[in-house]
PDB file of N, CA and C in Angstrom:
ATOM      1  N   MET A   1       0.833  -1.181   0.000  1.00  0.00           N
ATOM      2  CA  MET A   1       0.000   0.000   0.000  1.00  0.00           C
ATOM      3  C   MET A   1       0.880   1.247   0.000  1.00  0.00           C
ATOM      4  N   ASP A   2       0.602   2.188  -0.889  1.00  0.00           N
ATOM      5  CA  ASP A   2       1.358   3.429  -0.956  1.00  0.00           C
ATOM      6  C   ASP A   2       0.937   4.354   0.186  1.00  0.00           C
ATOM      7  N   ILE A   3       1.912   5.087   0.682  1.00  0.00           N
ATOM      8  CA  ILE A   3       1.651   6.041   1.756  1.00  0.00           C
ATOM      9  C   ILE A   3       1.459   7.412   1.124  1.00  0.00           C
ATOM     10  N   ALA A   4       0.395   8.086   1.488  1.00  0.00           N
ATOM     11  CA  ALA A   4       0.132   9.425   0.964  1.00  0.00           C
ATOM     12  C   ALA A   4       0.848  10.459   1.830  1.00  0.00           C
ATOM     13  N   PHE A   5       1.531  11.383   1.192  1.00  0.00           N
ATOM     14  CA  PHE A   5       2.204  12.474   1.897  1.00  0.00           C
ATOM     15  C   PHE A   5       1.742  13.781   1.302  1.00  0.00           C
ATOM     16  N   PRO A   6       1.654  14.845   2.039  1.00  0.00           N
ATOM     17  CA  PRO A   6       1.844  14.932   3.488  1.00  0.00           C
ATOM     18  C   PRO A   6       0.660  14.350   4.243  1.00  0.00           C
ATOM     19  N   PHE A   7       0.930  14.014   5.509  1.00  0.00           N
ATOM     20  CA  PHE A   7      -0.149  13.538   6.373  1.00  0.00           C
ATOM     21  C   PHE A   7       0.124  13.985   7.798  1.00  0.00           C
ATOM     22  N   TYR A   8      -0.903  13.896   8.614  1.00  0.00           N
ATOM     23  CA  TYR A   8      -0.777  14.183  10.041  1.00  0.00           C
ATOM     24  C   TYR A   8      -1.603  13.166  10.800  1.00  0.00           C
ATOM     25  N   SER A   9      -1.457  13.183  12.114  1.00  0.00           N
ATOM     26  CA  SER A   9      -2.206  12.248  12.941  1.00  0.00           C
ATOM     27  C   SER A   9      -2.370  12.844  14.330  1.00  0.00           C
ATOM     28  N   TYR A  10      -3.500  12.563  14.937  1.00  0.00           N
ATOM     29  CA  TYR A  10      -3.704  13.005  16.317  1.00  0.00           C
ATOM     30  C   TYR A  10      -2.983  12.093  17.295  1.00  0.00           C
ATOM     31  N   THR A  11      -2.572  10.918  16.832  1.00  0.00           N
ATOM     32  CA  THR A  11      -1.661  10.087  17.620  1.00  0.00           C
ATOM     33  C   THR A  11      -0.283  10.349  17.054  1.00  0.00           C
ATOM     34  N   ARG A  12       0.675  10.602  17.890  1.00  0.00           N
ATOM     35  CA  ARG A  12       1.983  11.081  17.433  1.00  0.00           C
ATOM     36  C   ARG A  12       2.978   9.983  17.101  1.00  0.00           C
ATOM     37  N   GLY A  13       2.636   8.739  17.324  1.00  0.00           N
ATOM     38  CA  GLY A  13       3.641   7.691  17.154  1.00  0.00           C
ATOM     39  C   GLY A  13       4.723   7.885  18.206  1.00  0.00           C
ATOM     40  N   ILE A  14       5.986   7.893  17.786  1.00  0.00           N
ATOM     41  CA  ILE A  14       7.080   8.112  18.734  1.00  0.00           C
ATOM     42  C   ILE A  14       7.426   9.594  18.873  1.00  0.00           C
ATOM     43  N   GLY A  15       6.698  10.459  18.176  1.00  0.00           N
ATOM     44  CA  GLY A  15       6.943  11.900  18.246  1.00  0.00           C
ATOM     45  C   GLY A  15       6.428  12.497  19.542  1.00  0.00           C
ATOM     46  N   VAL A  16       6.947  13.682  19.877  1.00  0.00           N
ATOM     47  CA  VAL A  16       6.524  14.348  21.115  1.00  0.00           C
ATOM     48  C   VAL A  16       5.767  15.651  20.863  1.00  0.00           C
ATOM     49  N   VAL A  17       5.678  16.070  19.607  1.00  0.00           N
ATOM     50  CA  VAL A  17       4.926  17.285  19.275  1.00  0.00           C
ATOM     51  C   VAL A  17       3.999  16.998  18.101  1.00  0.00           C
ATOM     52  N   ASP A  18       2.943  17.789  17.961  1.00  0.00           N
ATOM     53  CA  ASP A  18       2.062  17.676  16.807  1.00  0.00           C
ATOM     54  C   ASP A  18       2.776  18.262  15.594  1.00  0.00           C
ATOM     55  N   ALA A  19       2.847  17.509  14.517  1.00  0.00           N
ATOM     56  CA  ALA A  19       3.497  17.965  13.293  1.00  0.00           C
ATOM     57  C   ALA A  19       2.958  17.141  12.134  1.00  0.00           C
ATOM     58  N   TYR A  20       3.039  17.706  10.924  1.00  0.00           N
ATOM     59  CA  TYR A  20       2.669  16.911   9.752  1.00  0.00           C
ATOM     60  C   TYR A  20       3.932  16.345   9.124  1.00  0.00           C
ATOM     61  N   HIS A  21       3.791  15.273   8.386  1.00  0.00           N
ATOM     62  CA  HIS A  21       4.936  14.529   7.866  1.00  0.00           C
ATOM     63  C   HIS A  21       4.948  14.561   6.349  1.00  0.00           C
ATOM     64  N   THR A  22       6.162  14.680   5.793  1.00  0.00           N
ATOM     65  CA  THR A  22       6.308  14.839   4.345  1.00  0.00           C
ATOM     66  C   THR A  22       7.319  13.888   3.721  1.00  0.00           C
ATOM     67  N   HIS A  23       7.973  13.046   4.497  1.00  0.00           N
ATOM     68  CA  HIS A  23       9.020  12.187   3.933  1.00  0.00           C
ATOM     69  C   HIS A  23       8.842  10.733   4.369  1.00  0.00           C
ATOM     70  N   PRO A  24       8.901   9.793   3.425  1.00  0.00           N
ATOM     71  CA  PRO A  24       8.674   8.379   3.765  1.00  0.00           C
ATOM     72  C   PRO A  24       9.765   7.740   4.615  1.00  0.00           C
ATOM     73  N   ASP A  25      10.967   8.331   4.661  1.00  0.00           N
ATOM     74  CA  ASP A  25      12.047   7.753   5.467  1.00  0.00           C
ATOM     75  C   ASP A  25      12.059   8.252   6.914  1.00  0.00           C
ATOM     76  N   CYS A  26      11.171   9.159   7.247  1.00  0.00           N
ATOM     77  CA  CYS A  26      11.098   9.685   8.610  1.00  0.00           C
ATOM     78  C   CYS A  26      10.623   8.578   9.563  1.00  0.00           C
ATOM     79  N   GLN A  27      11.415   8.323  10.602  1.00  0.00           N
ATOM     80  CA  GLN A  27      11.068   7.258  11.547  1.00  0.00           C
ATOM     81  C   GLN A  27       9.816   7.591  12.352  1.00  0.00           C
ATOM     82  N   ILE A  28       9.587   8.854  12.614  1.00  0.00           N
ATOM     83  CA  ILE A  28       8.377   9.234  13.343  1.00  0.00           C
ATOM     84  C   ILE A  28       7.155   8.971  12.468  1.00  0.00           C
ATOM     85  N   ALA A  29       7.243   9.349  11.181  1.00  0.00           N
ATOM     86  CA  ALA A  29       6.129   9.086  10.263  1.00  0.00           C
ATOM     87  C   ALA A  29       5.874   7.588  10.145  1.00  0.00           C
ATOM     88  N   GLN A  30       6.938   6.803  10.098  1.00  0.00           N
ATOM     89  CA  GLN A  30       6.799   5.356   9.982  1.00  0.00           C
ATOM     90  C   GLN A  30       6.174   4.735  11.230  1.00  0.00           C
ATOM     91  N   SER A  31       6.307   5.404  12.376  1.00  0.00           N
ATOM     92  CA  SER A  31       5.781   4.847  13.620  1.00  0.00           C
ATOM     93  C   SER A  31       4.277   5.057  13.788  1.00  0.00           C
ATOM     94  N   ILE A  32       3.667   5.833  12.894  1.00  0.00           N
ATOM     95  CA  ILE A  32       2.229   6.110  12.988  1.00  0.00           C
ATOM     96  C   ILE A  32       1.488   5.086  12.129  1.00  0.00           C
ATOM     97  N   PRO A  33       0.581   4.315  12.715  1.00  0.00           N
ATOM     98  CA  PRO A  33      -0.154   3.311  11.937  1.00  0.00           C
ATOM     99  C   PRO A  33      -0.961   3.952  10.802  1.00  0.00           C
ATOM    100  N   ALA A  34      -1.062   3.252   9.693  1.00  0.00           N
ATOM    101  CA  ALA A  34      -1.756   3.782   8.511  1.00  0.00           C
ATOM    102  C   ALA A  34      -3.202   4.178   8.825  1.00  0.00           C
ATOM    103  N   VAL A  35      -3.868   3.457   9.703  1.00  0.00           N
ATOM    104  CA  VAL A  35      -5.269   3.779  10.014  1.00  0.00           C
ATOM    105  C   VAL A  35      -5.401   5.075  10.802  1.00  0.00           C
ATOM    106  N   GLU A  36      -4.306   5.563  11.370  1.00  0.00           N
ATOM    107  CA  GLU A  36      -4.333   6.804  12.157  1.00  0.00           C
ATOM    108  C   GLU A  36      -3.915   8.029  11.339  1.00  0.00           C
ATOM    109  N   ARG A  37      -3.575   7.859  10.070  1.00  0.00           N
ATOM    110  CA  ARG A  37      -3.054   8.949   9.237  1.00  0.00           C
ATOM    111  C   ARG A  37      -4.174   9.683   8.520  1.00  0.00           C
ATOM    112  N   ILE A  38      -4.068  11.005   8.495  1.00  0.00           N
ATOM    113  CA  ILE A  38      -5.026  11.867   7.807  1.00  0.00           C
ATOM    114  C   ILE A  38      -4.243  12.643   6.753  1.00  0.00           C
ATOM    115  N   VAL A  39      -4.631  12.504   5.495  1.00  0.00           N
ATOM    116  CA  VAL A  39      -3.904  13.157   4.409  1.00  0.00           C
ATOM    117  C   VAL A  39      -4.116  14.661   4.484  1.00  0.00           C
ATOM    118  N   GLY A  40      -3.014  15.422   4.353  1.00  0.00           N
ATOM    119  CA  GLY A  40      -3.095  16.874   4.331  1.00  0.00           C
ATOM    120  C   GLY A  40      -2.175  17.527   5.343  1.00  0.00           C
ATOM    121  N   GLN A  41      -2.244  18.854   5.368  1.00  0.00           N
ATOM    122  CA  GLN A  41      -1.459  19.660   6.300  1.00  0.00           C
ATOM    123  C   GLN A  41      -2.426  20.476   7.148  1.00  0.00           C
ATOM    124  N   PRO A  42      -2.512  20.184   8.433  1.00  0.00           N
ATOM    125  CA  PRO A  42      -3.445  20.946   9.270  1.00  0.00           C
ATOM    126  C   PRO A  42      -2.951  22.374   9.489  1.00  0.00           C
ATOM    127  N   LYS A  43      -3.874  23.291   9.530  1.00  0.00           N
ATOM    128  CA  LYS A  43      -3.540  24.700   9.717  1.00  0.00           C
ATOM    129  C   LYS A  43      -2.882  24.911  11.081  1.00  0.00           C
ATOM    130  N   GLY A  44      -1.734  25.558  11.070  1.00  0.00           N
ATOM    131  CA  GLY A  44      -1.043  25.884  12.310  1.00  0.00           C
ATOM    132  C   GLY A  44      -0.064  24.834  12.803  1.00  0.00           C
ATOM    133  N   TRP A  45      -0.018  23.676  12.175  1.00  0.00           N
ATOM    134  CA  TRP A  45       0.929  22.647  12.592  1.00  0.00           C
ATOM    135  C   TRP A  45       2.221  22.802  11.797  1.00  0.00           C
ATOM    136  N   PRO A  46       3.375  22.640  12.435  1.00  0.00           N
ATOM    137  CA  PRO A  46       4.647  22.732  11.714  1.00  0.00           C
ATOM    138  C   PRO A  46       4.962  21.414  10.997  1.00  0.00           C
ATOM    139  N   GLU A  47       5.885  21.496  10.037  1.00  0.00           N
ATOM    140  CA  GLU A  47       6.387  20.276   9.407  1.00  0.00           C
ATOM    141  C   GLU A  47       7.324  19.581  10.391  1.00  0.00           C
ATOM    142  N   CYS A  48       7.282  18.284  10.433  1.00  0.00           N
ATOM    143  CA  CYS A  48       8.142  17.480  11.300  1.00  0.00           C
ATOM    144  C   CYS A  48       9.611  17.831  11.036  1.00  0.00           C
ATOM    145  N   ILE A  49      10.380  18.069  12.092  1.00  0.00           N
ATOM    146  CA  ILE A  49      11.775  18.454  11.894  1.00  0.00           C
ATOM    147  C   ILE A  49      12.593  17.311  11.294  1.00  0.00           C
ATOM    148  N   PHE A  50      12.205  16.083  11.547  1.00  0.00           N
ATOM    149  CA  PHE A  50      12.942  14.957  10.981  1.00  0.00           C
ATOM    150  C   PHE A  50      12.642  14.812   9.489  1.00  0.00           C
ATOM    151  N   CYS A  51      11.426  15.122   9.076  1.00  0.00           N
ATOM    152  CA  CYS A  51      11.108  15.152   7.643  1.00  0.00           C
ATOM    153  C   CYS A  51      11.910  16.261   6.969  1.00  0.00           C
ATOM    154  N   GLN A  52      12.049  17.406   7.629  1.00  0.00           N
ATOM    155  CA  GLN A  52      12.831  18.515   7.077  1.00  0.00           C
ATOM    156  C   GLN A  52      14.280  18.101   6.865  1.00  0.00           C
ATOM    157  N   VAL A  53      14.833  17.368   7.819  1.00  0.00           N
ATOM    158  CA  VAL A  53      16.224  16.909   7.696  1.00  0.00           C
ATOM    159  C   VAL A  53      16.367  15.980   6.493  1.00  0.00           C
ATOM    160  N   HIS A  54      15.398  15.099   6.288  1.00  0.00           N
ATOM    161  CA  HIS A  54      15.471  14.185   5.147  1.00  0.00           C
ATOM    162  C   HIS A  54      15.371  14.931   3.818  1.00  0.00           C
ATOM    163  N   HIS A  55      14.671  16.054   3.786  1.00  0.00           N
ATOM    164  CA  HIS A  55      14.536  16.829   2.552  1.00  0.00           C
ATOM    165  C   HIS A  55      15.723  17.754   2.310  1.00  0.00           C
ATOM    166  N   ALA A  56      16.521  18.032   3.327  1.00  0.00           N
ATOM    167  CA  ALA A  56      17.633  18.975   3.196  1.00  0.00           C
ATOM    168  C   ALA A  56      18.698  18.420   2.250  1.00  0.00           C
ATOM    169  N   PRO A  57      19.272  19.278   1.401  1.00  0.00           N
ATOM    170  CA  PRO A  57      20.340  18.805   0.521  1.00  0.00           C
ATOM    171  C   PRO A  57      21.560  18.410   1.346  1.00  0.00           C
ATOM    172  N   ARG A  58      22.196  17.353   0.935  1.00  0.00           N
ATOM    173  CA  ARG A  58      23.385  16.886   1.648  1.00  0.00           C
ATOM    174  C   ARG A  58      24.623  17.423   0.940  1.00  0.00           C
ATOM    175  N   PRO A  59      25.584  17.925   1.699  1.00  0.00           N
ATOM    176  CA  PRO A  59      26.797  18.450   1.067  1.00  0.00           C
ATOM    177  C   PRO A  59      27.611  17.313   0.452  1.00  0.00           C
ATOM    178  N   LEU A  60      28.266  17.624  -0.631  1.00  0.00           N
ATOM    179  CA  LEU A  60      29.146  16.646  -1.250  1.00  0.00           C
ATOM    180  C   LEU A  60      30.452  16.591  -0.479  1.00  0.00           C
ATOM    181  N   LEU A  61      30.933  15.407  -0.228  1.00  0.00           N
ATOM    182  CA  LEU A  61      32.196  15.251   0.468  1.00  0.00           C
ATOM    183  C   LEU A  61      33.337  15.384  -0.531  1.00  0.00           C
ATOM    184  N   PRO A  62      34.457  15.987  -0.112  1.00  0.00           N
ATOM    185  CA  PRO A  62      35.588  16.097  -1.040  1.00  0.00           C
ATOM    186  C   PRO A  62      36.144  14.717  -1.369  1.00  0.00           C
ATOM    187  N   ASN A  63      36.704  14.603  -2.562  1.00  0.00           N
ATOM    188  CA  ASN A  63      37.321  13.336  -2.951  1.00  0.00           C
ATOM    189  C   ASN A  63      38.514  13.060  -2.050  1.00  0.00           C
ATOM    190  N   ARG A  64      38.613  11.835  -1.618  1.00  0.00           N
ATOM    191  CA  ARG A  64      39.737  11.443  -0.764  1.00  0.00           C
ATOM    192  C   ARG A  64      40.566  10.409  -1.506  1.00  0.00           C
ATOM    193  N   ARG A  65      41.844  10.533  -1.370  1.00  0.00           N
ATOM    194  CA  ARG A  65      42.717   9.541  -1.978  1.00  0.00           C
ATOM    195  C   ARG A  65      42.766   8.321  -1.071  1.00  0.00           C
ATOM    196  N   PRO A  66      42.557   7.139  -1.619  1.00  0.00           N
ATOM    197  CA  PRO A  66      42.587   5.940  -0.771  1.00  0.00           C
ATOM    198  C   PRO A  66      43.991   5.620  -0.287  1.00  0.00           C
ATOM    199  N   ASN A  67      44.058   5.106   0.925  1.00  0.00           N
ATOM    200  CA  ASN A  67      45.321   4.651   1.509  1.00  0.00           C
ATOM    201  C   ASN A  67      46.402   5.726   1.531  1.00  0.00           C
ATOM    202  N   THR A  68      46.032   6.939   1.825  1.00  0.00           N
ATOM    203  CA  THR A  68      46.999   8.033   1.921  1.00  0.00           C
ATOM    204  C   THR A  68      47.218   8.351   3.392  1.00  0.00           C
ATOM    205  N   SER A  69      48.437   8.280   3.814  1.00  0.00           N
ATOM    206  CA  SER A  69      48.747   8.597   5.217  1.00  0.00           C
ATOM    207  C   SER A  69      49.004  10.095   5.348  1.00  0.00           C
ATOM    208  N   ILE A  70      48.992  10.569   6.559  1.00  0.00           N
ATOM    209  CA  ILE A  70      49.228  11.986   6.818  1.00  0.00           C
ATOM    210  C   ILE A  70      50.636  12.366   6.403  1.00  0.00           C
ATOM    211  N   GLU A  71      51.617  11.484   6.579  1.00  0.00           N
ATOM    212  CA  GLU A  71      52.993  11.784   6.217  1.00  0.00           C
ATOM    213  C   GLU A  71      53.159  12.020   4.722  1.00  0.00           C
ATOM    214  N   GLU A  72      52.360  11.354   3.894  1.00  0.00           N
ATOM    215  CA  GLU A  72      52.479  11.508   2.456  1.00  0.00           C
ATOM    216  C   GLU A  72      51.903  12.833   1.968  1.00  0.00           C
ATOM    217  N   LEU A  73      51.069  13.440   2.770  1.00  0.00           N
ATOM    218  CA  LEU A  73      50.467  14.709   2.368  1.00  0.00           C
ATOM    219  C   LEU A  73      51.476  15.786   2.624  1.00  0.00           C
TER     220      LEU A  73
END
C-alpha cells in the first residue's frame, strides 16, 4: 500500500509534538499506523523536523585519496 504524503495524525507515534509529515524515510512518520493517518497539512501545525532533515540537501564530500597517510600529504 502506498503512503500518501503529506499527512498528520492526532496520535503522534514516537513523536513528542504535533506535526505533519512529508518524507517516507522519517522514523516518526513510519511509527504512525496507517489507520491513524489523515492526508493533508493541518492549519497551524509545523512540518516534522525529521522530515525537514530528510529533505535537506546533503553536502558533497571532497574526494579522498585511498590509503593516503598523513605523512604523504
